[in-house]
Amino acid sequence: MPQAKQTDLKRRALLRNGGLLLAVVGAAAVSPARAGDDMLSKATVHYQSTPHGGQHCSDCAYFIPGNDAAAKGSCRLVSGAIDPNGWCERFSS
């Protein structure tokens, strides 16, 4: 095979594979719904550190309490420290 034809085939493969890589990376960049380990981000669930009506994180089925009642805990769905008096859209009693 002539050298020019081999170079052309390599260039096409590079462009095709490079385009695919950019598409995958771009899709991942615009989809930040989940934080690490498949946890939802606070922004995604509209977390707030204050209660919503009578709903508090401490009463939610997903809340994992901290060391004492006033300490921040964690959540089975949302990443990061969670205030027991907080609230998010995923609240479940």
Protein backbone atom coordinates (compact mmCIF):
# COMPACT_ATOMS: atom_id res chain seq x y z
CA MET A 1 0.00 0.00 0.00
CA PRO A 2 1.42 3.41 -0.88
CA GLN A 3 2.64 5.58 2.00
CA ALA A 4 0.14 8.38 1.24
CA LYS A 5 -2.83 5.97 1.41
CA GLN A 6 -1.66 4.54 4.75
CA THR A 7 -1.32 8.05 6.18
CA ASP A 8 -4.82 8.94 4.94
CA LEU A 9 -6.31 5.84 6.63
CA LYS A 10 -4.53 6.61 9.90
CA ARG A 11 -5.77 10.19 9.78
CA ARG A 12 -9.37 9.03 9.23
CA ALA A 13 -9.16 6.59 12.14
CA LEU A 14 -7.70 9.30 14.37
CA LEU A 15 -10.46 11.76 13.47
CA ARG A 16 -13.19 9.14 13.93
CA ASN A 17 -11.87 7.94 17.30
CA GLY A 18 -11.07 11.46 18.47
CA GLY A 19 -14.61 12.58 17.64
CA LEU A 20 -16.05 9.68 19.59
CA LEU A 21 -13.85 10.50 22.58
CA LEU A 22 -14.96 14.15 22.51
CA ALA A 23 -18.62 13.10 22.37
CA VAL A 24 -18.25 10.82 25.40
CA VAL A 25 -16.33 13.40 27.44
CA GLY A 26 -18.79 16.14 26.46
CA ALA A 27 -21.79 14.04 27.50
CA ALA A 28 -20.21 13.34 30.88
CA ALA A 29 -19.45 17.03 31.41
CA VAL A 30 -23.02 18.21 30.83
CA SER A 31 -24.57 15.54 33.04
CA PRO A 32 -23.48 16.39 36.61
CA ALA A 33 -26.63 15.00 38.25
CA ARG A 34 -24.65 12.54 40.31
CA ALA A 35 -21.71 13.24 42.51
CA GLY A 36 -19.18 10.56 43.41
CA ASP A 37 -20.29 6.97 43.95
CA ASP A 38 -23.70 7.47 42.29
CA MET A 39 -24.82 9.97 44.93
CA LEU A 40 -26.97 12.92 43.92
CA SER A 41 -25.55 16.41 44.28
CA LYS A 42 -27.16 18.91 46.64
CA ALA A 43 -27.89 21.20 43.70
CA THR A 44 -29.76 18.46 41.84
CA VAL A 45 -32.17 17.82 44.72
CA HIS A 46 -32.43 21.54 45.66
CA TYR A 47 -31.05 20.86 49.14
CA GLN A 48 -31.41 23.66 51.67
CA SER A 49 -30.10 23.79 55.23
CA THR A 50 -33.48 24.93 56.57
CA PRO A 51 -36.71 22.93 56.90
CA HIS A 52 -39.53 23.06 54.36
CA GLY A 53 -42.81 23.40 56.17
CA GLY A 54 -42.76 20.64 58.77
CA GLN A 55 -40.29 18.48 56.83
CA HIS A 56 -36.75 18.09 58.24
CA CYS A 57 -33.96 15.82 57.04
CA SER A 58 -33.88 14.27 60.53
CA ASP A 59 -37.39 12.88 59.84
CA CYS A 60 -36.49 11.56 56.37
CA ALA A 61 -36.14 7.85 55.63
CA TYR A 62 -32.82 8.49 53.83
CA PHE A 63 -31.16 10.51 56.63
CA ILE A 64 -28.27 8.95 58.57
CA PRO A 65 -27.83 10.83 61.89
CA GLY A 66 -24.51 12.23 63.07
CA ASN A 67 -22.93 11.62 66.50
CA ASP A 68 -25.64 13.59 68.32
CA ALA A 69 -28.99 15.19 67.49
CA ALA A 70 -27.46 18.55 66.50
CA ALA A 71 -24.52 17.12 64.52
CA LYS A 72 -24.60 16.98 60.74
CA GLY A 73 -25.34 13.57 59.35
CA SER A 74 -25.36 12.08 55.88
CA CYS A 75 -27.89 10.83 53.38
CA ARG A 76 -28.33 7.60 51.46
CA LEU A 77 -29.09 9.61 48.30
CA VAL A 78 -27.30 12.96 48.55
CA SER A 79 -23.54 13.49 48.84
CA GLY A 80 -21.93 15.62 51.53
CA ALA A 81 -22.76 16.60 55.10
CA ILE A 82 -26.48 16.99 55.73
CA ASP A 83 -27.99 19.30 58.35
CA PRO A 84 -30.68 17.50 60.40
CA ASN A 85 -32.85 20.62 59.99
CA GLY A 86 -32.32 20.70 56.24
CA TRP A 87 -34.62 19.60 53.44
CA CYS A 88 -34.51 18.50 49.79
CA GLU A 89 -36.93 17.41 47.06
CA ARG A 90 -36.23 13.74 47.79
CA PHE A 91 -37.68 13.95 51.31
CA SER A 92 -39.49 10.74 52.25
CA SER A 93 -41.21 10.18 55.59
